[in-house]
Protein backbone atom coordinates (compact mmCIF):
# COMPACT_ATOMS: atom_id res chain seq x y z
CA MET A 1 -25.89 -4.47 26.39
CA THR A 2 -22.10 -3.44 25.71
CA VAL A 3 -20.65 -6.02 23.03
CA PRO A 4 -17.10 -7.55 23.68
CA LEU A 5 -14.16 -4.86 22.96
CA SER A 6 -11.00 -6.64 21.63
CA ILE A 7 -7.17 -5.70 20.84
CA LEU A 8 -5.30 -6.07 17.36
CA ASP A 9 -1.68 -5.20 17.37
CA LEU A 10 0.48 -4.76 14.93
CA ALA A 11 3.51 -4.55 17.34
CA PRO A 12 4.81 -1.44 15.70
CA VAL A 13 7.90 -0.22 15.48
CA VAL A 14 8.78 3.24 16.48
CA ALA A 15 11.17 5.93 14.54
CA GLY A 16 14.75 5.43 16.52
CA GLY A 17 13.10 2.01 18.05
CA THR A 18 13.94 -1.56 17.20
CA ALA A 19 11.88 -4.41 16.46
CA GLY A 20 12.90 -6.00 19.76
CA ASP A 21 11.89 -3.19 21.70
CA ALA A 22 7.91 -3.18 19.42
CA LEU A 23 8.15 -6.88 20.36
CA ARG A 24 8.48 -6.54 24.35
CA ARG A 25 6.10 -3.74 24.12
CA THR A 26 3.38 -6.67 22.69
CA LEU A 27 4.15 -8.45 25.61
CA ASP A 28 3.67 -5.85 28.23
CA LEU A 29 0.63 -4.47 26.16
CA ALA A 30 -0.91 -7.97 26.40
CA ARG A 31 -0.87 -8.36 30.04
CA ALA A 32 -1.99 -4.74 30.25
CA ALA A 33 -5.03 -5.80 27.63
CA GLU A 34 -5.81 -9.07 30.16
CA ASN A 35 -5.82 -7.23 33.37
CA SER A 36 -8.55 -4.14 31.25
CA GLY A 37 -11.27 -6.65 30.88
CA TYR A 38 -10.49 -6.91 26.67
CA ALA A 39 -12.10 -10.21 25.47
CA ARG A 40 -9.33 -11.09 22.81
CA TYR A 41 -5.80 -10.06 21.57
CA TRP A 42 -5.10 -10.65 18.18
CA VAL A 43 -2.07 -9.71 16.49
CA ALA A 44 -1.70 -9.05 12.50
CA GLU A 45 0.46 -10.49 9.59
CA HIS A 46 2.70 -8.19 7.67
CA HIS A 47 5.90 -8.76 5.92
CA PHE A 48 8.43 -5.86 4.55
CA THR A 49 7.56 -3.09 6.57
CA ALA A 50 10.06 -1.32 8.61
CA GLY A 51 6.97 0.01 10.82
CA VAL A 52 5.53 -3.47 11.69
CA ALA A 53 7.36 -6.52 13.91
CA SER A 54 4.32 -8.65 13.96
CA SER A 55 5.29 -10.83 10.77
CA GLN A 56 5.33 -14.42 12.58
CA PRO A 57 1.75 -14.49 14.18
CA ALA A 58 2.10 -18.27 15.72
CA LEU A 59 5.46 -17.74 16.76
CA LEU A 60 4.44 -14.31 18.35
CA LEU A 61 1.08 -15.37 20.14
CA GLY A 62 2.97 -18.08 21.76
CA GLN A 63 5.35 -15.69 23.90
CA ILE A 64 2.32 -13.73 24.29
CA ALA A 65 0.62 -17.18 25.86
CA ALA A 66 3.40 -17.44 28.12
CA VAL A 67 3.12 -14.02 29.87
CA THR A 68 -1.11 -14.06 29.89
CA GLU A 69 -3.43 -16.41 31.46
CA ARG A 70 -6.60 -15.94 30.38
CA ILE A 71 -7.58 -13.68 27.21
CA ARG A 72 -8.04 -15.01 24.10
CA LEU A 73 -5.42 -15.55 21.67
CA GLY A 74 -5.44 -14.67 17.82
CA SER A 75 -4.33 -13.71 14.43
CA GLY A 76 -5.51 -11.16 12.28
CA ALA A 77 -5.14 -13.06 9.99
CA VAL A 78 -2.74 -15.42 8.96
CA GLN A 79 -2.12 -14.65 4.97
CA THR A 80 -3.27 -18.18 3.45
CA GLY A 81 -1.30 -17.72 0.08
CA HIS A 82 2.19 -17.43 1.88
CA GLN A 83 1.50 -21.26 3.60
CA THR A 84 0.43 -24.35 3.05
CA PRO A 85 -3.06 -25.65 5.13
CA LEU A 86 -0.65 -28.01 7.18
CA SER A 87 2.21 -25.58 8.20
CA ILE A 88 -0.60 -23.38 9.77
CA VAL A 89 -2.65 -25.81 11.35
CA GLU A 90 0.55 -27.73 12.69
CA GLN A 91 1.58 -24.07 14.09
CA PHE A 92 -2.08 -23.05 15.81
CA GLY A 93 -2.08 -26.68 16.56
CA LEU A 94 1.22 -26.54 18.51
CA LEU A 95 -0.39 -23.42 20.93
CA ASP A 96 -3.70 -24.79 21.52
CA ALA A 97 -1.68 -28.30 22.35
CA LEU A 98 0.66 -25.86 25.27
CA TYR A 99 -1.94 -23.46 26.00
CA PRO A 100 -5.19 -25.14 25.29
CA GLY A 101 -8.44 -23.54 24.30
CA ARG A 102 -7.18 -20.17 23.62
CA PHE A 103 -6.82 -19.36 20.31
CA ASP A 104 -8.41 -18.06 17.50
CA LEU A 105 -7.22 -18.89 14.24
CA GLY A 106 -8.21 -15.99 11.71
CA LEU A 107 -7.49 -16.40 8.74
CA GLY A 108 -7.05 -13.97 5.30
CA ARG A 109 -6.93 -13.96 1.54
CA SER A 110 -3.54 -12.08 1.31
CA GLY A 111 -1.20 -13.73 -0.83
CA GLN A 112 -3.93 -15.53 -3.08
CA PRO A 113 -3.41 -15.00 -6.39
CA ARG A 114 -4.71 -11.20 -7.49
CA SER A 115 -3.10 -10.99 -11.03
CA GLU A 116 -6.81 -10.15 -11.86
CA ALA A 117 -6.83 -7.23 -10.15
CA VAL A 118 -3.56 -6.42 -11.66
CA ALA A 119 -4.62 -6.95 -15.10
CA ALA A 120 -7.55 -5.06 -15.18
CA PRO A 121 -8.62 -2.86 -12.09
CA ALA A 122 -11.94 -3.13 -11.20
CA PRO A 123 -13.65 0.41 -12.45
CA GLU A 124 -14.86 2.44 -9.15
CA PRO A 125 -18.24 1.91 -7.92
CA ALA A 126 -21.13 3.43 -8.75
CA GLY A 127 -22.07 6.52 -6.36
CA ASN A 128 -18.36 6.18 -4.97
CA GLU A 129 -18.89 9.66 -2.83
CA GLU A 130 -18.47 10.06 1.06
CA ARG A 131 -21.75 9.41 2.84
CA VAL A 132 -22.63 9.56 6.23
CA VAL A 133 -25.01 6.47 7.24
CA GLY A 134 -26.35 6.94 10.44
CA GLY A 135 -24.13 9.00 12.20
CA LEU A 136 -20.70 6.52 10.40
CA LEU A 137 -18.67 7.95 7.76
CA ILE A 138 -18.32 6.13 5.08
CA PRO A 139 -15.61 7.70 3.06
CA LYS A 140 -14.67 7.08 -0.94
CA SER A 141 -13.07 4.11 -1.83
CA PHE A 142 -9.42 3.41 -2.19
CA SER A 143 -7.85 1.48 -4.71
CA PHE A 144 -4.67 -0.99 -4.08
CA ALA A 145 -4.56 -2.09 -7.48
CA PRO A 146 -1.74 0.21 -8.29
CA LEU A 147 0.61 -0.93 -5.53
CA LEU A 148 -0.30 -4.56 -6.74
CA ALA A 149 1.45 -3.86 -9.78
CA SER A 150 4.45 -2.43 -8.79
CA THR A 151 8.11 -3.88 -9.33
CA ARG A 152 8.28 -3.51 -5.24
CA TRP A 153 5.20 -5.56 -4.45
CA LYS A 154 6.69 -7.98 -7.44
CA LEU A 155 9.86 -8.38 -5.13
CA PHE A 156 7.35 -9.20 -2.22
CA ALA A 157 5.64 -11.75 -4.16
CA ARG A 158 8.79 -13.33 -5.10
CA LEU A 159 10.01 -13.53 -1.60
CA LEU A 160 6.75 -15.01 0.00
CA GLN A 161 6.04 -17.94 -2.05
CA GLN A 162 8.16 -20.59 -3.03
CA ALA A 163 9.43 -20.51 -7.16
CA GLY A 164 6.79 -21.59 -8.97
CA ALA A 165 4.35 -22.15 -6.38
CA SER A 166 0.56 -21.83 -7.17
CA PRO A 167 -2.23 -21.10 -4.05
CA PRO A 168 -5.00 -22.78 -4.20
CA PRO A 169 -8.24 -20.79 -4.12
CA PHE A 170 -9.16 -20.05 -0.92
CA THR A 171 -12.29 -22.38 -0.28
CA GLU A 172 -9.98 -24.67 -0.93
CA VAL A 173 -7.37 -23.36 1.82
CA LEU A 174 -10.35 -23.50 4.20
CA ASP A 175 -11.85 -26.88 3.26
CA GLU A 176 -8.43 -28.61 3.62
CA ILE A 177 -7.52 -26.55 7.19
CA GLU A 178 -10.90 -27.74 8.65
CA ALA A 179 -10.53 -31.26 7.49
CA LEU A 180 -6.95 -31.17 9.13
CA LEU A 181 -8.05 -30.63 12.00
CA ALA A 182 -10.81 -33.05 12.06
CA GLY A 183 -8.40 -35.47 10.89
CA PRO A 184 -7.77 -37.66 9.15
CA VAL A 185 -7.17 -36.59 5.74
CA THR A 186 -7.41 -39.51 3.47
CA ASP A 187 -6.88 -40.74 -0.22
CA GLU A 188 -8.73 -42.99 -2.67
CA GLN A 189 -6.43 -45.24 -1.49
CA GLY A 190 -7.34 -45.48 2.01
CA ASN A 191 -4.10 -43.85 2.92
CA GLU A 192 -4.25 -41.50 6.38
CA ALA A 193 -2.71 -38.33 7.16
CA ARG A 194 -2.43 -36.60 10.37
CA ALA A 195 -1.33 -33.41 11.82
CA VAL A 196 0.55 -33.51 14.84
CA PRO A 197 0.01 -31.71 16.93
CA GLY A 198 -3.13 -30.22 15.22
CA GLU A 199 -5.71 -33.28 14.68
CA GLY A 200 -8.48 -32.41 17.25
CA ALA A 201 -6.96 -28.81 18.42
CA ASP A 202 -9.75 -26.32 19.99
CA LEU A 203 -9.41 -23.43 17.68
CA GLN A 204 -12.26 -20.70 17.21
CA LEU A 205 -11.43 -20.31 13.18
CA TRP A 206 -12.33 -16.98 11.46
CA LEU A 207 -12.55 -15.35 8.09
CA LEU A 208 -11.32 -11.32 7.66
CA GLY A 209 -12.42 -9.34 4.56
CA SER A 210 -12.07 -5.91 3.95
CA SER A 211 -15.38 -5.55 1.11
CA GLY A 212 -18.16 -8.00 0.33
CA GLY A 213 -16.00 -10.53 -1.98
CA GLU A 214 -15.15 -13.32 -1.61
CA SER A 215 -13.96 -13.85 2.07
CA ALA A 216 -17.41 -12.56 3.45
CA GLN A 217 -19.28 -14.79 1.46
CA VAL A 218 -16.64 -17.58 2.27
CA ALA A 219 -17.20 -16.78 5.83
CA GLY A 220 -20.73 -17.25 5.81
CA ALA A 221 -21.50 -20.24 3.98
CA PRO A 222 -20.00 -22.69 6.44
CA GLY A 223 -21.53 -20.37 9.38
CA LEU A 224 -18.26 -18.97 10.50
CA PRO A 225 -17.46 -15.74 12.26
CA PHE A 226 -16.51 -12.94 10.29
CA ALA A 227 -14.22 -9.88 10.56
CA ALA A 228 -14.80 -6.80 8.81
CA ASN A 229 -12.09 -3.99 8.30
CA TYR A 230 -13.20 -0.45 9.05
CA HIS A 231 -9.52 0.35 9.98
CA VAL A 232 -8.05 -0.67 6.77
CA ALA A 233 -11.17 -0.10 4.22
CA PRO A 234 -13.66 2.27 6.14
CA ALA A 235 -15.60 2.38 2.66
CA GLN A 236 -16.59 -1.12 2.27
CA VAL A 237 -17.20 -2.10 5.63
CA LEU A 238 -21.08 -2.08 5.61
CA ASP A 239 -21.00 -4.17 2.02
CA ALA A 240 -18.21 -6.71 3.59
CA ALA A 241 -20.81 -7.16 6.95
CA ALA A 242 -23.56 -7.16 4.40
CA ALA A 243 -22.32 -9.93 2.41
CA TYR A 244 -21.44 -11.83 5.28
CA ARG A 245 -24.89 -11.77 6.65
CA ALA A 246 -26.32 -12.58 3.47
CA ALA A 247 -24.29 -15.53 2.65
CA PHE A 248 -24.17 -17.16 6.52
CA GLN A 249 -25.69 -20.58 6.88
CA PRO A 250 -26.04 -21.78 10.50
CA SER A 251 -23.33 -24.91 11.69
CA LYS A 252 -21.88 -26.31 14.56
CA THR A 253 -20.07 -23.52 15.41
CA LEU A 254 -22.76 -20.51 14.97
CA ASP A 255 -26.38 -20.13 14.74
CA GLN A 256 -26.44 -16.98 13.64
CA PRO A 257 -23.97 -14.35 12.25
CA TYR A 258 -21.26 -13.06 14.20
CA VAL A 259 -19.06 -9.81 13.13
CA MET A 260 -16.61 -8.19 14.54
CA VAL A 261 -15.73 -4.78 13.35
CA SER A 262 -12.58 -3.06 14.05
CA ALA A 263 -11.22 0.51 14.34
CA ASP A 264 -8.65 2.93 14.82
CA VAL A 265 -8.80 4.64 18.17
CA VAL A 266 -6.70 6.93 20.44
CA ALA A 267 -8.15 7.62 23.86
CA ALA A 268 -6.58 10.38 25.78
CA PRO A 269 -7.52 12.52 29.43
CA ASP A 270 -8.92 15.05 27.09
CA ASP A 271 -9.77 15.61 22.86
CA ALA A 272 -6.94 18.02 22.36
CA THR A 273 -4.17 15.54 24.31
CA ALA A 274 -5.45 12.64 22.03
CA ARG A 275 -5.08 14.90 18.82
CA SER A 276 -1.75 15.48 19.74
CA LEU A 277 -0.68 11.99 20.41
CA ALA A 278 -2.60 10.99 17.24
CA ALA A 279 -0.51 13.61 15.11
CA GLY A 280 1.86 10.48 13.32
CA TYR A 281 -1.11 8.57 11.81
CA GLY A 282 -1.57 10.78 8.97
CA LEU A 283 2.21 10.41 8.05
CA TRP A 284 2.26 6.69 8.79
CA VAL A 285 -0.63 6.00 7.02
CA HIS A 286 0.86 7.89 3.57
CA SER A 287 3.84 5.60 3.79
CA ILE A 288 1.60 2.60 3.16
CA ARG A 289 -0.71 4.09 0.58
CA THR A 290 2.43 5.28 -1.33
CA GLY A 291 4.16 1.87 -1.68
CA GLN A 292 7.10 2.26 0.49
CA GLY A 293 5.59 0.16 3.44
CA ALA A 294 4.27 0.82 6.76
CA ILE A 295 7.29 3.51 8.31
CA PRO A 296 8.17 3.67 11.72
CA TYR A 297 5.76 5.24 13.60
CA PRO A 298 6.75 9.31 13.37
CA SER A 299 7.08 11.24 16.66
CA PRO A 300 5.46 14.42 17.00
CA GLU A 301 8.17 16.35 16.08
CA GLN A 302 8.71 14.31 12.81
CA ALA A 303 4.82 14.87 12.35
CA ALA A 304 4.82 18.53 12.88
CA GLN A 305 7.64 18.98 10.51
CA HIS A 306 6.27 17.64 7.37
CA ARG A 307 4.53 19.81 5.33
CA TRP A 308 1.51 18.35 3.58
CA SER A 309 0.32 19.02 -0.07
CA ASP A 310 -2.91 18.73 -1.23
CA GLU A 311 -2.33 15.68 -2.96
CA GLU A 312 -1.28 13.79 0.31
CA ARG A 313 -4.17 14.98 2.09
CA GLU A 314 -6.59 13.16 -0.16
CA LEU A 315 -4.67 10.69 -0.40
CA VAL A 316 -4.88 9.63 3.63
CA ALA A 317 -8.28 11.59 4.30
CA ASP A 318 -10.21 8.56 4.38
CA ARG A 319 -8.47 6.42 7.17
CA VAL A 320 -7.74 10.00 9.09
CA ALA A 321 -11.51 10.87 9.01
CA THR A 322 -12.28 7.48 10.38
CA GLN A 323 -9.72 7.44 13.35
CA PHE A 324 -11.87 7.56 16.55
CA VAL A 325 -9.40 10.40 18.62
CA GLY A 326 -10.66 11.74 21.70
CA SER A 327 -11.26 11.34 25.22
CA PRO A 328 -12.64 8.19 26.43
CA GLN A 329 -15.98 9.33 26.10
CA THR A 330 -15.29 10.95 22.39
CA VAL A 331 -13.84 7.76 21.63
CA VAL A 332 -16.55 5.28 22.79
CA ALA A 333 -19.09 7.79 21.48
CA GLY A 334 -17.91 7.30 18.21
CA LEU A 335 -17.33 3.25 18.56
CA ARG A 336 -21.25 3.00 19.41
CA THR A 337 -22.29 4.78 16.51
CA LEU A 338 -20.13 2.21 14.61
CA GLN A 339 -21.14 -0.28 16.64
CA ARG A 340 -24.75 0.36 15.88
CA VAL A 341 -24.57 1.13 12.19
CA THR A 342 -23.00 -2.21 11.09
CA GLY A 343 -24.54 -4.20 13.29
CA ALA A 344 -21.38 -5.55 15.19
CA ASP A 345 -21.26 -8.29 17.53
CA GLU A 346 -18.05 -7.36 19.12
CA LEU A 347 -15.22 -4.81 18.44
CA LEU A 348 -11.83 -4.89 17.40
CA VAL A 349 -9.57 -1.81 18.15
CA THR A 350 -6.18 -0.33 17.41
CA THR A 351 -4.04 1.81 18.24
CA MET A 352 -0.84 3.71 17.09
CA THR A 353 1.09 6.42 19.46
CA TYR A 354 4.96 6.96 19.37
CA GLU A 355 5.17 6.56 23.31
CA HIS A 356 4.47 2.97 24.95
CA ALA A 357 3.00 4.41 28.12
CA ASP A 358 0.35 6.39 25.90
CA ARG A 359 -0.50 3.57 23.77
CA VAL A 360 -1.21 1.22 26.93
CA ARG A 361 -2.94 4.29 28.92
CA SER A 362 -5.32 4.70 25.45
CA PHE A 363 -6.59 1.35 26.16
CA GLU A 364 -6.94 1.41 29.63
CA LEU A 365 -9.13 4.47 29.56
CA LEU A 366 -11.22 2.95 26.50
CA ALA A 367 -11.38 -0.20 28.24
CA ARG A 368 -12.81 1.93 31.59
CA GLU A 369 -14.97 4.10 29.66
CA TRP A 370 -16.05 1.00 27.49
CA LEU A 371 -17.05 -1.54 29.96
CA GLY A 372 -17.85 0.84 33.31
């Protein structure tokens, strides 16, 4: 049986383009995704990145909902460390009040305290070597600890949080979001607080994670669906899925685990064309890995002009090698391997190209081949 296929969109800004261009293209792509039969359309949350316009998921989802009719919409993921549970519930409660029953509230740990990772980065896992599992490439791990320790990151953290604010533990954030959705929230004196809109909203809660750590376990224990990031952290995807399944407890939401796995793809009529369209991807990933933040997505000419050093190639090798690029048949073969090895119940694909028409065509070709 073919598992559902969904889309994650970053609203990429391309070289020479503007955020406005990127956002209008997202609206167009969402309409095309709905017509092509995709199950969900999620948007990311990224900040201080010249190449990504998706900074406020709830605002963008409202615009997408207005130009679509059926496709489920969601966040991949709201960065819980930068907002209160109430603000998150109110934002998505408002969306549900206007467009009932269409929204997934995807939550992530981003913005949660990471001081321990900066002060004492975890040692490289034993046996951290590239390997192939059932035909799926599992590369070496990449550590973001040096980026988290940079002065640039400290500036971002200061701007993303109010002075003196300290996010509560992720489990407490999730508990309070669920309490506000169920409502009312009461104190020992019997006072009540209700999120309006928000209380009673018909939202599907998801947790997203890139490792077998807290996010996977916190998703499993209350029986929520979980999205594991092969496209961000391909080395950790099997650990993430396994940790989630090990922690899973049946709930009123799910009686068995449900895992969605993400992947980067570029599909074109033939392999050679697809490789040409994906030429800028390595340069774009390099900008992220070196701490610049995602640059506007390079044109093919810019990509061709870059002269790579061995160190630069090594820095992005895991992401480039795990991108599925080729004809629809080639990409689908890779995605079927990903689904089989991870046991994914759903796949979430994201695509980066310089030309918008190529990105729309990539998703259309993939859906046609995947869905038949």
